[in-house]
N, C-alpha and C. Protein backbone atom coordinates (compact mmCIF):
# COMPACT_ATOMS: atom_id res chain seq x y z
N MET A 1 47.84 21.99 -94.46
CA MET A 1 46.63 21.54 -93.84
C MET A 1 45.54 22.58 -94.09
N ASN A 2 44.38 22.14 -94.46
CA ASN A 2 43.25 23.03 -94.73
C ASN A 2 42.55 23.39 -93.43
N ALA A 3 42.26 24.69 -93.28
CA ALA A 3 41.52 25.15 -92.10
C ALA A 3 40.03 24.84 -92.29
N LYS A 4 39.38 24.45 -91.23
CA LYS A 4 37.96 24.16 -91.31
C LYS A 4 37.18 25.47 -91.37
N ARG A 5 36.22 25.49 -92.24
CA ARG A 5 35.34 26.64 -92.32
C ARG A 5 34.11 26.38 -91.47
N ARG A 6 33.75 27.34 -90.68
CA ARG A 6 32.60 27.18 -89.79
C ARG A 6 31.54 28.23 -90.12
N LEU A 7 30.31 27.81 -90.03
CA LEU A 7 29.20 28.73 -90.25
C LEU A 7 28.88 29.44 -88.94
N PRO A 8 28.59 30.72 -89.01
CA PRO A 8 28.23 31.42 -87.77
C PRO A 8 26.85 30.95 -87.30
N LEU A 9 26.75 30.60 -86.03
CA LEU A 9 25.49 30.12 -85.49
C LEU A 9 24.71 31.21 -84.76
N VAL A 10 25.40 32.21 -84.29
CA VAL A 10 24.77 33.29 -83.55
C VAL A 10 24.93 34.58 -84.34
N GLN A 11 23.81 35.30 -84.50
CA GLN A 11 23.89 36.57 -85.21
C GLN A 11 24.59 37.59 -84.33
N SER A 12 25.37 38.41 -84.97
CA SER A 12 25.98 39.48 -84.20
C SER A 12 24.97 40.59 -83.99
N ALA A 13 25.24 41.47 -83.04
CA ALA A 13 24.32 42.56 -82.72
C ALA A 13 24.13 43.51 -83.90
N ALA A 14 25.12 43.60 -84.76
CA ALA A 14 25.03 44.51 -85.90
C ALA A 14 24.04 44.02 -86.94
N GLU A 15 23.75 42.71 -86.93
CA GLU A 15 22.84 42.17 -87.94
C GLU A 15 21.38 42.36 -87.61
N GLY A 16 21.07 42.83 -86.43
CA GLY A 16 19.67 43.05 -86.07
C GLY A 16 19.33 42.32 -84.79
N ASP A 17 18.16 42.64 -84.27
CA ASP A 17 17.76 42.03 -83.01
C ASP A 17 17.03 40.71 -83.20
N GLY A 18 16.81 40.29 -84.42
CA GLY A 18 16.17 39.01 -84.68
C GLY A 18 14.65 39.08 -84.76
N ASP A 19 14.04 40.17 -84.35
CA ASP A 19 12.60 40.30 -84.44
C ASP A 19 12.22 40.82 -85.81
N PRO A 20 11.39 40.06 -86.53
CA PRO A 20 10.98 40.57 -87.84
C PRO A 20 10.04 41.76 -87.67
N LYS A 21 10.13 42.68 -88.59
CA LYS A 21 9.24 43.85 -88.57
C LYS A 21 7.89 43.41 -89.14
N ARG A 22 6.85 43.63 -88.36
CA ARG A 22 5.51 43.23 -88.78
C ARG A 22 4.67 44.49 -88.99
N SER A 23 3.77 44.39 -89.95
CA SER A 23 2.90 45.53 -90.22
C SER A 23 1.74 45.55 -89.22
N GLY A 24 1.01 46.65 -89.21
CA GLY A 24 -0.07 46.83 -88.26
C GLY A 24 -1.18 45.80 -88.40
N TRP A 25 -1.53 45.42 -89.63
CA TRP A 25 -2.63 44.47 -89.80
C TRP A 25 -2.27 43.11 -89.22
N GLN A 26 -0.99 42.75 -89.19
CA GLN A 26 -0.61 41.49 -88.58
C GLN A 26 -0.82 41.53 -87.07
N TRP A 27 -0.56 42.69 -86.46
CA TRP A 27 -0.79 42.82 -85.03
C TRP A 27 -2.27 42.85 -84.70
N VAL A 28 -3.09 43.35 -85.61
CA VAL A 28 -4.54 43.27 -85.43
C VAL A 28 -4.98 41.81 -85.40
N ALA A 29 -4.43 41.00 -86.31
CA ALA A 29 -4.76 39.57 -86.33
C ALA A 29 -4.26 38.89 -85.06
N PHE A 30 -3.05 39.22 -84.61
CA PHE A 30 -2.53 38.64 -83.37
C PHE A 30 -3.43 39.00 -82.18
N GLY A 31 -3.88 40.25 -82.14
CA GLY A 31 -4.76 40.68 -81.06
C GLY A 31 -6.09 39.94 -81.08
N THR A 32 -6.64 39.73 -82.27
CA THR A 32 -7.90 38.99 -82.40
C THR A 32 -7.73 37.57 -81.89
N ILE A 33 -6.66 36.92 -82.29
CA ILE A 33 -6.41 35.55 -81.84
C ILE A 33 -6.18 35.50 -80.34
N ALA A 34 -5.43 36.47 -79.81
CA ALA A 34 -5.16 36.50 -78.37
C ALA A 34 -6.45 36.67 -77.57
N ILE A 35 -7.36 37.48 -78.07
CA ILE A 35 -8.64 37.67 -77.37
C ILE A 35 -9.41 36.36 -77.33
N PHE A 36 -9.47 35.64 -78.44
CA PHE A 36 -10.19 34.37 -78.43
C PHE A 36 -9.50 33.32 -77.57
N VAL A 37 -8.17 33.30 -77.59
CA VAL A 37 -7.44 32.34 -76.76
C VAL A 37 -7.73 32.57 -75.29
N LEU A 38 -7.87 33.81 -74.90
CA LEU A 38 -8.20 34.12 -73.50
C LEU A 38 -9.70 33.98 -73.22
N TRP A 39 -10.52 34.35 -74.18
CA TRP A 39 -11.96 34.41 -73.97
C TRP A 39 -12.59 33.03 -73.76
N LEU A 40 -12.20 32.06 -74.52
CA LEU A 40 -12.86 30.75 -74.43
C LEU A 40 -12.72 30.11 -73.05
N PRO A 41 -11.52 29.97 -72.49
CA PRO A 41 -11.46 29.37 -71.16
C PRO A 41 -12.03 30.28 -70.06
N LEU A 42 -11.84 31.60 -70.19
CA LEU A 42 -12.40 32.51 -69.18
C LEU A 42 -13.92 32.47 -69.17
N SER A 43 -14.54 32.40 -70.34
CA SER A 43 -16.00 32.37 -70.38
C SER A 43 -16.53 31.05 -69.84
N ALA A 44 -15.83 29.95 -70.10
CA ALA A 44 -16.26 28.67 -69.54
C ALA A 44 -16.19 28.70 -68.01
N LEU A 45 -15.10 29.24 -67.49
CA LEU A 45 -14.94 29.34 -66.04
C LEU A 45 -15.97 30.30 -65.44
N ALA A 46 -16.16 31.44 -66.06
CA ALA A 46 -17.10 32.44 -65.55
C ALA A 46 -18.54 31.91 -65.56
N LEU A 47 -18.92 31.22 -66.62
CA LEU A 47 -20.28 30.68 -66.69
C LEU A 47 -20.50 29.57 -65.69
N ARG A 48 -19.46 28.79 -65.45
CA ARG A 48 -19.58 27.72 -64.45
C ARG A 48 -19.77 28.32 -63.05
N LEU A 49 -18.98 29.35 -62.75
CA LEU A 49 -19.12 30.01 -61.45
C LEU A 49 -20.47 30.71 -61.32
N ALA A 50 -20.93 31.36 -62.38
CA ALA A 50 -22.22 32.04 -62.34
C ALA A 50 -23.36 31.05 -62.18
N ALA A 51 -23.27 29.90 -62.82
CA ALA A 51 -24.31 28.88 -62.68
C ALA A 51 -24.33 28.34 -61.25
N ARG A 52 -23.17 28.21 -60.65
CA ARG A 52 -23.11 27.75 -59.25
C ARG A 52 -23.72 28.80 -58.32
N VAL A 53 -23.42 30.07 -58.57
CA VAL A 53 -23.99 31.15 -57.74
C VAL A 53 -25.50 31.22 -57.93
N ALA A 54 -25.95 31.05 -59.17
CA ALA A 54 -27.38 31.13 -59.45
C ALA A 54 -28.13 29.96 -58.84
N GLY A 55 -27.47 28.87 -58.59
CA GLY A 55 -28.12 27.73 -57.94
C GLY A 55 -29.10 26.99 -58.81
N GLY A 56 -28.94 27.07 -60.12
CA GLY A 56 -29.82 26.31 -61.01
C GLY A 56 -31.16 26.97 -61.25
N ALA A 57 -31.35 28.20 -60.81
CA ALA A 57 -32.64 28.87 -61.02
C ALA A 57 -32.91 29.13 -62.49
N ALA A 58 -31.83 29.27 -63.28
CA ALA A 58 -32.03 29.53 -64.71
C ALA A 58 -32.50 28.30 -65.45
N ALA A 59 -32.32 27.12 -64.87
CA ALA A 59 -32.69 25.89 -65.55
C ALA A 59 -34.17 25.57 -65.38
N THR A 60 -34.87 26.26 -64.50
CA THR A 60 -36.28 25.96 -64.27
C THR A 60 -37.11 26.49 -65.43
N SER A 61 -38.11 25.73 -65.78
CA SER A 61 -39.03 26.20 -66.82
C SER A 61 -40.35 26.52 -66.14
N GLY A 62 -40.69 27.74 -66.20
CA GLY A 62 -41.90 28.19 -65.54
C GLY A 62 -41.96 29.70 -65.63
N PRO A 63 -42.77 30.28 -64.77
CA PRO A 63 -42.88 31.74 -64.82
C PRO A 63 -41.56 32.40 -64.40
N VAL A 64 -41.31 33.51 -65.04
CA VAL A 64 -40.08 34.26 -64.76
C VAL A 64 -40.29 35.03 -63.47
N GLY A 65 -39.44 34.75 -62.53
CA GLY A 65 -39.53 35.43 -61.24
C GLY A 65 -38.20 36.08 -60.92
N PRO A 66 -38.07 36.57 -59.71
CA PRO A 66 -36.82 37.22 -59.32
C PRO A 66 -35.63 36.26 -59.34
N GLU A 67 -35.87 34.98 -59.07
CA GLU A 67 -34.77 34.02 -59.07
C GLU A 67 -34.18 33.85 -60.46
N THR A 68 -35.06 33.70 -61.45
CA THR A 68 -34.55 33.51 -62.81
C THR A 68 -33.95 34.79 -63.36
N ALA A 69 -34.50 35.93 -62.99
CA ALA A 69 -33.94 37.20 -63.45
C ALA A 69 -32.56 37.44 -62.84
N SER A 70 -32.39 37.12 -61.58
CA SER A 70 -31.08 37.31 -60.96
C SER A 70 -30.06 36.32 -61.49
N SER A 71 -30.48 35.10 -61.80
CA SER A 71 -29.53 34.14 -62.36
C SER A 71 -29.16 34.52 -63.79
N ALA A 72 -30.11 35.07 -64.54
CA ALA A 72 -29.79 35.53 -65.90
C ALA A 72 -28.83 36.71 -65.84
N ALA A 73 -29.03 37.59 -64.86
CA ALA A 73 -28.11 38.71 -64.70
C ALA A 73 -26.72 38.24 -64.30
N ALA A 74 -26.65 37.21 -63.46
CA ALA A 74 -25.35 36.65 -63.07
C ALA A 74 -24.64 36.03 -64.27
N LEU A 75 -25.36 35.32 -65.11
CA LEU A 75 -24.77 34.72 -66.30
C LEU A 75 -24.30 35.79 -67.28
N LEU A 76 -25.12 36.81 -67.48
CA LEU A 76 -24.75 37.90 -68.39
C LEU A 76 -23.53 38.66 -67.86
N GLY A 77 -23.54 38.96 -66.57
CA GLY A 77 -22.40 39.67 -65.97
C GLY A 77 -21.12 38.87 -66.07
N ALA A 78 -21.20 37.57 -65.84
CA ALA A 78 -20.01 36.72 -65.93
C ALA A 78 -19.48 36.68 -67.36
N SER A 79 -20.38 36.61 -68.32
CA SER A 79 -19.97 36.58 -69.72
C SER A 79 -19.29 37.89 -70.12
N LEU A 80 -19.86 39.01 -69.71
CA LEU A 80 -19.29 40.31 -70.05
C LEU A 80 -17.94 40.52 -69.35
N LEU A 81 -17.82 40.05 -68.12
CA LEU A 81 -16.55 40.17 -67.41
C LEU A 81 -15.46 39.34 -68.10
N ALA A 82 -15.80 38.14 -68.53
CA ALA A 82 -14.83 37.30 -69.24
C ALA A 82 -14.40 37.96 -70.55
N LEU A 83 -15.35 38.53 -71.28
CA LEU A 83 -15.02 39.23 -72.52
C LEU A 83 -14.15 40.45 -72.25
N ALA A 84 -14.48 41.22 -71.22
CA ALA A 84 -13.71 42.43 -70.91
C ALA A 84 -12.27 42.08 -70.54
N LEU A 85 -12.09 41.06 -69.71
CA LEU A 85 -10.73 40.65 -69.32
C LEU A 85 -9.95 40.10 -70.52
N SER A 86 -10.63 39.38 -71.38
CA SER A 86 -9.97 38.83 -72.57
C SER A 86 -9.55 39.93 -73.53
N ALA A 87 -10.42 40.90 -73.74
CA ALA A 87 -10.08 42.02 -74.63
C ALA A 87 -8.95 42.84 -74.03
N LEU A 88 -8.96 43.02 -72.73
CA LEU A 88 -7.88 43.74 -72.06
C LEU A 88 -6.55 43.02 -72.26
N GLY A 89 -6.57 41.70 -72.10
CA GLY A 89 -5.34 40.91 -72.29
C GLY A 89 -4.86 40.90 -73.73
N GLY A 90 -5.78 40.75 -74.67
CA GLY A 90 -5.39 40.77 -76.07
C GLY A 90 -4.85 42.12 -76.50
N GLY A 91 -5.49 43.19 -76.03
CA GLY A 91 -5.00 44.54 -76.33
C GLY A 91 -3.64 44.80 -75.70
N PHE A 92 -3.45 44.31 -74.48
CA PHE A 92 -2.16 44.46 -73.81
C PHE A 92 -1.05 43.76 -74.60
N THR A 93 -1.36 42.58 -75.12
CA THR A 93 -0.39 41.83 -75.92
C THR A 93 0.06 42.64 -77.14
N VAL A 94 -0.89 43.24 -77.82
CA VAL A 94 -0.56 44.04 -79.00
C VAL A 94 0.23 45.28 -78.61
N GLY A 95 -0.22 45.96 -77.57
CA GLY A 95 0.46 47.18 -77.16
C GLY A 95 1.86 46.94 -76.62
N ARG A 96 2.02 45.87 -75.88
CA ARG A 96 3.32 45.61 -75.22
C ARG A 96 4.36 45.10 -76.21
N TRP A 97 3.99 44.16 -77.06
CA TRP A 97 4.97 43.53 -77.94
C TRP A 97 4.85 43.95 -79.40
N GLY A 98 3.93 44.87 -79.69
CA GLY A 98 3.81 45.37 -81.06
C GLY A 98 5.05 46.16 -81.45
N GLY A 99 5.29 46.21 -82.71
CA GLY A 99 6.48 46.90 -83.20
C GLY A 99 6.31 48.40 -83.24
N GLU A 100 7.22 49.03 -83.94
CA GLU A 100 7.22 50.48 -84.09
C GLU A 100 5.93 50.91 -84.79
N GLY A 101 5.24 51.87 -84.22
CA GLY A 101 4.01 52.38 -84.81
C GLY A 101 2.78 51.55 -84.52
N VAL A 102 2.90 50.53 -83.70
CA VAL A 102 1.76 49.69 -83.33
C VAL A 102 1.37 50.03 -81.90
N GLY A 103 0.08 50.23 -81.68
CA GLY A 103 -0.33 50.61 -80.34
C GLY A 103 -1.81 50.47 -80.10
N VAL A 104 -2.41 51.52 -79.59
CA VAL A 104 -3.80 51.49 -79.15
C VAL A 104 -4.74 51.24 -80.33
N ARG A 105 -4.48 51.85 -81.46
CA ARG A 105 -5.36 51.68 -82.62
C ARG A 105 -5.43 50.23 -83.05
N GLU A 106 -4.27 49.57 -83.17
CA GLU A 106 -4.24 48.17 -83.60
C GLU A 106 -4.88 47.26 -82.55
N ALA A 107 -4.70 47.60 -81.27
CA ALA A 107 -5.31 46.81 -80.20
C ALA A 107 -6.84 46.92 -80.27
N ALA A 108 -7.35 48.14 -80.45
CA ALA A 108 -8.80 48.33 -80.56
C ALA A 108 -9.35 47.66 -81.81
N LEU A 109 -8.61 47.71 -82.91
CA LEU A 109 -9.06 47.02 -84.13
C LEU A 109 -9.06 45.50 -83.93
N GLY A 110 -8.13 44.99 -83.15
CA GLY A 110 -8.15 43.56 -82.81
C GLY A 110 -9.40 43.21 -82.02
N GLY A 111 -9.80 44.10 -81.09
CA GLY A 111 -11.05 43.90 -80.36
C GLY A 111 -12.26 43.95 -81.27
N LEU A 112 -12.24 44.88 -82.23
CA LEU A 112 -13.35 44.98 -83.19
C LEU A 112 -13.44 43.73 -84.05
N MET A 113 -12.30 43.24 -84.52
CA MET A 113 -12.31 42.03 -85.35
C MET A 113 -12.81 40.81 -84.55
N ALA A 114 -12.36 40.69 -83.30
CA ALA A 114 -12.83 39.58 -82.46
C ALA A 114 -14.34 39.68 -82.25
N ALA A 115 -14.83 40.90 -82.03
CA ALA A 115 -16.27 41.10 -81.84
C ALA A 115 -17.04 40.75 -83.10
N LEU A 116 -16.53 41.15 -84.27
CA LEU A 116 -17.22 40.85 -85.52
C LEU A 116 -17.25 39.35 -85.80
N VAL A 117 -16.16 38.66 -85.50
CA VAL A 117 -16.14 37.21 -85.68
C VAL A 117 -17.14 36.55 -84.74
N ALA A 118 -17.18 36.99 -83.49
CA ALA A 118 -18.12 36.41 -82.52
C ALA A 118 -19.57 36.69 -82.90
N ILE A 119 -19.85 37.91 -83.35
CA ILE A 119 -21.21 38.26 -83.75
C ILE A 119 -21.63 37.44 -84.97
N THR A 120 -20.74 37.31 -85.93
CA THR A 120 -21.06 36.52 -87.12
C THR A 120 -21.33 35.07 -86.75
N ALA A 121 -20.50 34.49 -85.90
CA ALA A 121 -20.72 33.10 -85.47
C ALA A 121 -22.04 32.97 -84.72
N SER A 122 -22.36 33.96 -83.89
CA SER A 122 -23.61 33.93 -83.15
C SER A 122 -24.81 34.02 -84.09
N TRP A 123 -24.75 34.93 -85.04
CA TRP A 123 -25.86 35.09 -85.96
C TRP A 123 -26.03 33.88 -86.87
N LEU A 124 -24.93 33.25 -87.26
CA LEU A 124 -25.05 32.05 -88.09
C LEU A 124 -25.61 30.87 -87.31
N SER A 125 -25.32 30.83 -86.02
CA SER A 125 -25.78 29.71 -85.19
C SER A 125 -27.20 29.89 -84.69
N TYR A 126 -27.54 31.10 -84.24
CA TYR A 126 -28.82 31.30 -83.54
C TYR A 126 -29.75 32.28 -84.22
N GLY A 127 -29.34 32.86 -85.31
CA GLY A 127 -30.15 33.86 -85.98
C GLY A 127 -29.76 35.26 -85.53
N ILE A 128 -30.24 36.23 -86.26
CA ILE A 128 -29.85 37.61 -85.99
C ILE A 128 -30.55 38.12 -84.73
N ALA A 129 -29.73 38.59 -83.81
CA ALA A 129 -30.22 39.21 -82.58
C ALA A 129 -29.36 40.46 -82.34
N LEU A 130 -30.02 41.58 -82.22
CA LEU A 130 -29.27 42.83 -82.05
C LEU A 130 -28.53 42.90 -80.73
N SER A 131 -28.93 42.08 -79.78
CA SER A 131 -28.23 42.08 -78.48
C SER A 131 -26.79 41.59 -78.61
N ALA A 132 -26.48 40.87 -79.68
CA ALA A 132 -25.10 40.42 -79.89
C ALA A 132 -24.16 41.60 -80.15
N LEU A 133 -24.70 42.74 -80.53
CA LEU A 133 -23.87 43.91 -80.78
C LEU A 133 -23.23 44.48 -79.51
N PHE A 134 -23.72 44.04 -78.34
CA PHE A 134 -23.09 44.47 -77.09
C PHE A 134 -21.65 43.99 -76.99
N ILE A 135 -21.32 42.97 -77.74
CA ILE A 135 -19.94 42.48 -77.75
C ILE A 135 -18.99 43.58 -78.22
N VAL A 136 -19.42 44.35 -79.21
CA VAL A 136 -18.59 45.45 -79.72
C VAL A 136 -18.41 46.51 -78.64
N ILE A 137 -19.49 46.79 -77.90
CA ILE A 137 -19.45 47.83 -76.88
C ILE A 137 -18.47 47.47 -75.77
N VAL A 138 -18.28 46.19 -75.51
CA VAL A 138 -17.36 45.77 -74.46
C VAL A 138 -15.95 45.54 -75.01
N ALA A 139 -15.85 44.84 -76.14
CA ALA A 139 -14.54 44.39 -76.62
C ALA A 139 -13.65 45.53 -77.10
N VAL A 140 -14.19 46.45 -77.84
CA VAL A 140 -13.35 47.50 -78.44
C VAL A 140 -12.73 48.43 -77.39
N PRO A 141 -13.51 48.99 -76.45
CA PRO A 141 -12.86 49.87 -75.48
C PRO A 141 -11.88 49.14 -74.56
N PHE A 142 -12.21 47.91 -74.16
CA PHE A 142 -11.29 47.19 -73.28
C PHE A 142 -10.02 46.77 -74.01
N ALA A 143 -10.13 46.43 -75.29
CA ALA A 143 -8.92 46.12 -76.06
C ALA A 143 -8.07 47.37 -76.23
N GLY A 144 -8.71 48.51 -76.47
CA GLY A 144 -7.96 49.76 -76.57
C GLY A 144 -7.28 50.13 -75.27
N LEU A 145 -7.98 49.92 -74.15
CA LEU A 145 -7.37 50.18 -72.84
C LEU A 145 -6.19 49.24 -72.59
N GLY A 146 -6.35 47.97 -72.97
CA GLY A 146 -5.23 47.04 -72.85
C GLY A 146 -4.06 47.45 -73.71
N GLY A 147 -4.34 47.96 -74.91
CA GLY A 147 -3.27 48.45 -75.77
C GLY A 147 -2.55 49.63 -75.16
N LYS A 148 -3.30 50.52 -74.53
CA LYS A 148 -2.69 51.68 -73.88
C LYS A 148 -1.81 51.23 -72.71
N LEU A 149 -2.29 50.29 -71.92
CA LEU A 149 -1.48 49.75 -70.82
C LEU A 149 -0.24 49.04 -71.34
N GLY A 150 -0.39 48.31 -72.44
CA GLY A 150 0.75 47.60 -73.03
C GLY A 150 1.80 48.55 -73.56
N VAL A 151 1.38 49.61 -74.21
CA VAL A 151 2.34 50.60 -74.72
C VAL A 151 3.10 51.24 -73.57
N SER A 152 2.41 51.48 -72.46
CA SER A 152 3.09 52.09 -71.31
C SER A 152 4.11 51.14 -70.67
N ARG A 153 3.96 49.84 -70.88
CA ARG A 153 4.90 48.85 -70.33
C ARG A 153 5.96 48.43 -71.33
N ARG A 154 5.92 48.99 -72.52
CA ARG A 154 6.88 48.62 -73.55
C ARG A 154 8.28 49.10 -73.20
N HIS A 155 9.25 48.26 -73.47
CA HIS A 155 10.65 48.65 -73.23
C HIS A 155 11.10 49.61 -74.32
N ARG A 156 11.61 50.71 -73.89
CA ARG A 156 12.12 51.69 -74.87
C ARG A 156 13.63 51.63 -74.84
N PRO A 157 14.25 51.57 -76.00
CA PRO A 157 15.71 51.52 -76.02
C PRO A 157 16.30 52.82 -75.48
N SER A 158 17.34 52.68 -74.69
CA SER A 158 17.99 53.86 -74.13
C SER A 158 18.85 54.53 -75.19
N LYS A 159 18.87 55.85 -75.16
CA LYS A 159 19.60 56.59 -76.19
C LYS A 159 20.93 57.02 -75.67
């Protein structure tokens, strides 16, 4: 009688942990995507809340007064907060789950790439405005901070 041959379905521990080794530039791309995935819904939520707080003062067309200035500040603050939280989350993702040699630098570069994509899209849509460069000032440090927090939460194999 012939014995049945079976294919192994589960890798043994000696064959590796199953995680492919990725280079640093791939983690930069993952960080960029993570920032946008977090940024889009957070900015929509933040702008909706800021518009509710402002009470529609930004929608009035007329002389600029304290009401419109405070509502513009609320909208700007909400947008920057959403970007900062998104960059922090994207950087944390890179720092926490990045492979060997991946950390704060790749997280900050992911923030820089996300900022450059956002600035380019803004300039193509609305024309060149130097105020769009504030995205870099917010995204890069917060992504780096998220990367640092992620590296500190990374599981280290026991020796």
